[in-house]
C-alpha atoms as a PDB file:
ATOM      1  CA  MET A   1     100.893 211.837  -5.640  1.00  0.00           C
ATOM      2  CA  LEU A   2      98.231 214.444  -6.447  1.00  0.00           C
ATOM      3  CA  ASN A   3      98.844 216.194  -3.097  1.00  0.00           C
ATOM      4  CA  ASN A   4     102.544 216.263  -3.880  1.00  0.00           C
ATOM      5  CA  GLN A   5     101.776 217.825  -7.285  1.00  0.00           C
ATOM      6  CA  ILE A   6      99.516 220.439  -5.646  1.00  0.00           C
ATOM      7  CA  ARG A   7     102.267 221.280  -3.156  1.00  0.00           C
ATOM      8  CA  GLN A   8     104.722 221.676  -6.016  1.00  0.00           C
ATOM      9  CA  ASP A   9     102.270 223.903  -7.914  1.00  0.00           C
ATOM     10  CA  VAL A  10     101.682 226.090  -4.856  1.00  0.00           C
ATOM     11  CA  HIS A  11     105.425 226.278  -4.258  1.00  0.00           C
ATOM     12  CA  PHE A  12     105.957 227.227  -7.903  1.00  0.00           C
ATOM     13  CA  LYS A  13     103.268 229.919  -7.785  1.00  0.00           C
ATOM     14  CA  LYS A  14     104.750 231.408  -4.604  1.00  0.00           C
ATOM     15  CA  ASN A  15     108.237 231.453  -6.044  1.00  0.00           C
ATOM     16  CA  ALA A  16     107.322 231.736  -9.706  1.00  0.00           C
ATOM     17  CA  LYS A  17     108.800 235.156 -10.290  1.00  0.00           C
ATOM     18  CA  SER A  18     112.119 234.364  -8.614  1.00  0.00           C
ATOM     19  CA  ASP A  19     112.263 230.921 -10.291  1.00  0.00           C
ATOM     20  CA  ILE A  20     111.592 232.405 -13.712  1.00  0.00           C
ATOM     21  CA  LEU A  21     114.269 235.019 -13.202  1.00  0.00           C
ATOM     22  CA  LYS A  22     116.674 232.314 -12.036  1.00  0.00           C
ATOM     23  CA  TYR A  23     116.158 230.248 -15.198  1.00  0.00           C
ATOM     24  CA  MET A  24     116.116 233.288 -17.463  1.00  0.00           C
ATOM     25  CA  GLU A  25     119.674 233.916 -16.326  1.00  0.00           C
ATOM     26  CA  LYS A  26     120.651 230.532 -17.774  1.00  0.00           C
ATOM     27  CA  ILE A  27     119.512 231.518 -21.269  1.00  0.00           C
ATOM     28  CA  SER A  28     120.675 234.942 -22.349  1.00  0.00           C
ATOM     29  CA  LYS A  29     118.947 237.216 -24.813  1.00  0.00           C
ATOM     30  CA  GLU A  30     121.972 236.803 -27.082  1.00  0.00           C
ATOM     31  CA  GLU A  31     121.456 233.024 -27.099  1.00  0.00           C
ATOM     32  CA  VAL A  32     117.778 233.486 -27.979  1.00  0.00           C
ATOM     33  CA  LYS A  33     118.736 235.853 -30.796  1.00  0.00           C
ATOM     34  CA  HIS A  34     121.328 233.335 -32.006  1.00  0.00           C
ATOM     35  CA  LEU A  35     118.706 230.557 -32.031  1.00  0.00           C
ATOM     36  CA  ALA A  36     116.367 232.847 -33.976  1.00  0.00           C
ATOM     37  CA  GLU A  37     119.109 233.540 -36.495  1.00  0.00           C
ATOM     38  CA  LEU A  38     119.819 229.823 -36.897  1.00  0.00           C
ATOM     39  CA  SER A  39     116.075 229.284 -37.405  1.00  0.00           C
ATOM     40  CA  SER A  40     115.921 232.096 -39.962  1.00  0.00           C
ATOM     41  CA  ILE A  41     113.272 233.991 -38.027  1.00  0.00           C
ATOM     42  CA  SER A  42     113.228 237.581 -36.889  1.00  0.00           C
ATOM     43  CA  LEU A  43     112.047 238.457 -33.389  1.00  0.00           C
ATOM     44  CA  SER A  44     111.091 241.735 -31.758  1.00  0.00           C
ATOM     45  CA  ASP A  45     112.565 242.602 -28.355  1.00  0.00           C
ATOM     46  CA  ASP A  46     109.296 241.563 -26.689  1.00  0.00           C
ATOM     47  CA  GLU A  47     109.336 238.234 -28.510  1.00  0.00           C
ATOM     48  CA  VAL A  48     112.952 237.668 -27.465  1.00  0.00           C
ATOM     49  CA  SER A  49     112.005 238.296 -23.817  1.00  0.00           C
ATOM     50  CA  ASN A  50     108.979 236.000 -24.048  1.00  0.00           C
ATOM     51  CA  LEU A  51     110.997 233.272 -25.714  1.00  0.00           C
ATOM     52  CA  GLN A  52     113.731 233.659 -23.111  1.00  0.00           C
ATOM     53  CA  THR A  53     111.116 233.055 -20.401  1.00  0.00           C
ATOM     54  CA  ASP A  54     109.626 230.082 -22.252  1.00  0.00           C
ATOM     55  CA  LEU A  55     113.021 228.475 -22.823  1.00  0.00           C
ATOM     56  CA  GLY A  56     113.866 229.080 -19.171  1.00  0.00           C
ATOM     57  CA  ASN A  57     110.689 227.237 -18.175  1.00  0.00           C
ATOM     58  CA  ILE A  58     111.612 224.351 -20.467  1.00  0.00           C
ATOM     59  CA  VAL A  59     115.084 224.121 -18.918  1.00  0.00           C
ATOM     60  CA  GLU A  60     113.512 224.179 -15.456  1.00  0.00           C
ATOM     61  CA  TYR A  61     111.151 221.344 -16.390  1.00  0.00           C
ATOM     62  CA  ILE A  62     114.006 219.268 -17.768  1.00  0.00           C
ATOM     63  CA  GLU A  63     115.968 219.843 -14.573  1.00  0.00           C
ATOM     64  CA  GLN A  64     112.955 218.677 -12.558  1.00  0.00           C
ATOM     65  CA  LEU A  65     112.818 215.526 -14.666  1.00  0.00           C
ATOM     66  CA  SER A  66     116.497 214.848 -14.007  1.00  0.00           C
ATOM     67  CA  GLU A  67     115.719 214.725 -10.275  1.00  0.00           C
ATOM     68  CA  LEU A  68     113.327 211.777 -10.698  1.00  0.00           C
ATOM     69  CA  ASN A  69     114.460 208.437  -9.351  1.00  0.00           C
ATOM     70  CA  THR A  70     114.507 206.104 -12.344  1.00  0.00           C
ATOM     71  CA  ASP A  71     116.219 203.141 -10.662  1.00  0.00           C
ATOM     72  CA  GLY A  72     114.745 199.928 -12.013  1.00  0.00           C
ATOM     73  CA  VAL A  73     112.863 201.663 -14.830  1.00  0.00           C
ATOM     74  CA  GLU A  74     113.629 200.163 -18.211  1.00  0.00           C
ATOM     75  CA  PRO A  75     114.207 202.637 -21.063  1.00  0.00           C
ATOM     76  CA  THR A  76     111.259 202.998 -23.407  1.00  0.00           C
ATOM     77  CA  TYR A  77     112.142 203.006 -27.066  1.00  0.00           C
ATOM     78  CA  SER A  78     108.603 202.649 -28.328  1.00  0.00           C
ATOM     79  CA  VAL A  79     105.190 202.776 -26.718  1.00  0.00           C
ATOM     80  CA  SER A  80     103.915 200.148 -29.132  1.00  0.00           C
ATOM     81  CA  LYS A  81     104.683 196.480 -28.683  1.00  0.00           C
ATOM     82  CA  ASN A  82     104.775 195.990 -32.456  1.00  0.00           C
ATOM     83  CA  GLN A  83     108.188 195.021 -33.718  1.00  0.00           C
ATOM     84  CA  ASN A  84     109.310 194.536 -37.284  1.00  0.00           C
ATOM     85  CA  VAL A  85     105.836 194.379 -38.729  1.00  0.00           C
ATOM     86  CA  TRP A  86     106.291 193.298 -42.312  1.00  0.00           C
ATOM     87  CA  ARG A  87     103.876 192.162 -44.947  1.00  0.00           C
ATOM     88  CA  GLU A  88     104.516 189.795 -47.777  1.00  0.00           C
ATOM     89  CA  ASP A  89     105.643 191.529 -50.955  1.00  0.00           C
ATOM     90  CA  GLU A  90     102.852 190.457 -53.247  1.00  0.00           C
ATOM     91  CA  ILE A  91     102.014 191.954 -56.616  1.00  0.00           C
ATOM     92  CA  ASN A  92      98.408 193.111 -56.875  1.00  0.00           C
ATOM     93  CA  ASP A  93      97.393 194.381 -60.286  1.00  0.00           C
ATOM     94  CA  TYR A  94      93.857 195.211 -59.098  1.00  0.00           C
ATOM     95  CA  GLY A  95      92.471 193.428 -62.138  1.00  0.00           C
ATOM     96  CA  VAL A  96      94.163 195.735 -64.675  1.00  0.00           C
ATOM     97  CA  LYS A  97      96.786 194.276 -66.972  1.00  0.00           C
ATOM     98  CA  ARG A  98      99.947 196.039 -68.121  1.00  0.00           C
ATOM     99  CA  ALA A  99      98.851 196.090 -71.753  1.00  0.00           C
ATOM    100  CA  GLU A 100      95.623 197.890 -70.836  1.00  0.00           C
ATOM    101  CA  LEU A 101      97.521 200.549 -68.915  1.00  0.00           C
ATOM    102  CA  LEU A 102     100.042 201.066 -71.721  1.00  0.00           C
ATOM    103  CA  LYS A 103      97.155 201.562 -74.183  1.00  0.00           C
ATOM    104  CA  LEU A 104      95.978 204.479 -72.014  1.00  0.00           C
ATOM    105  CA  ALA A 105      99.352 206.201 -72.535  1.00  0.00           C
ATOM    106  CA  GLY A 106      98.780 206.366 -76.307  1.00  0.00           C
ATOM    107  CA  ASP A 107     101.864 207.448 -78.278  1.00  0.00           C
ATOM    108  CA  ASN A 108     103.896 207.988 -75.123  1.00  0.00           C
ATOM    109  CA  VAL A 109     104.966 204.337 -74.928  1.00  0.00           C
ATOM    110  CA  GLU A 110     108.555 203.321 -75.640  1.00  0.00           C
ATOM    111  CA  ASP A 111     110.029 199.868 -74.916  1.00  0.00           C
ATOM    112  CA  ASN A 112     106.970 198.834 -72.874  1.00  0.00           C
ATOM    113  CA  GLN A 113     107.367 201.902 -70.646  1.00  0.00           C
ATOM    114  CA  VAL A 114     105.452 205.155 -70.427  1.00  0.00           C
ATOM    115  CA  LYS A 115     107.584 208.031 -71.660  1.00  0.00           C
ATOM    116  CA  VAL A 116     107.149 211.257 -69.660  1.00  0.00           C
ATOM    117  CA  PRO A 117     108.586 214.756 -70.147  1.00  0.00           C
ATOM    118  CA  LYS A 118     111.885 215.630 -68.462  1.00  0.00           C
ATOM    119  CA  VAL A 119     111.441 217.169 -65.044  1.00  0.00           C
ATOM    120  CA  LEU A 120     114.785 218.917 -64.706  1.00  0.00           C
END
């Protein structure tokens, strides 16, 4: 598998410029500018070109992944085997009673509740 990866890397390096240009054609500068506008960011022309190249590389990688044979591979929804981990809903007052806490609020107590200033 490692030799196969090395061959792919060498192939990519030999054809990198043509491959990058090929994938850059899939994502236009206008599309990059539109994405920047949707993201509320401003980009210089150099940044647009760099992002166009980066997005082209991402598209290329995704296309490589789509070529993988996944027959017999179960979908992975979670890498953890934990499912529905729940704890009992127990009240823990940490040794402090309600009355003690309400005393700390001083005059800001109304109907056994702490009265706070309006936020909005």
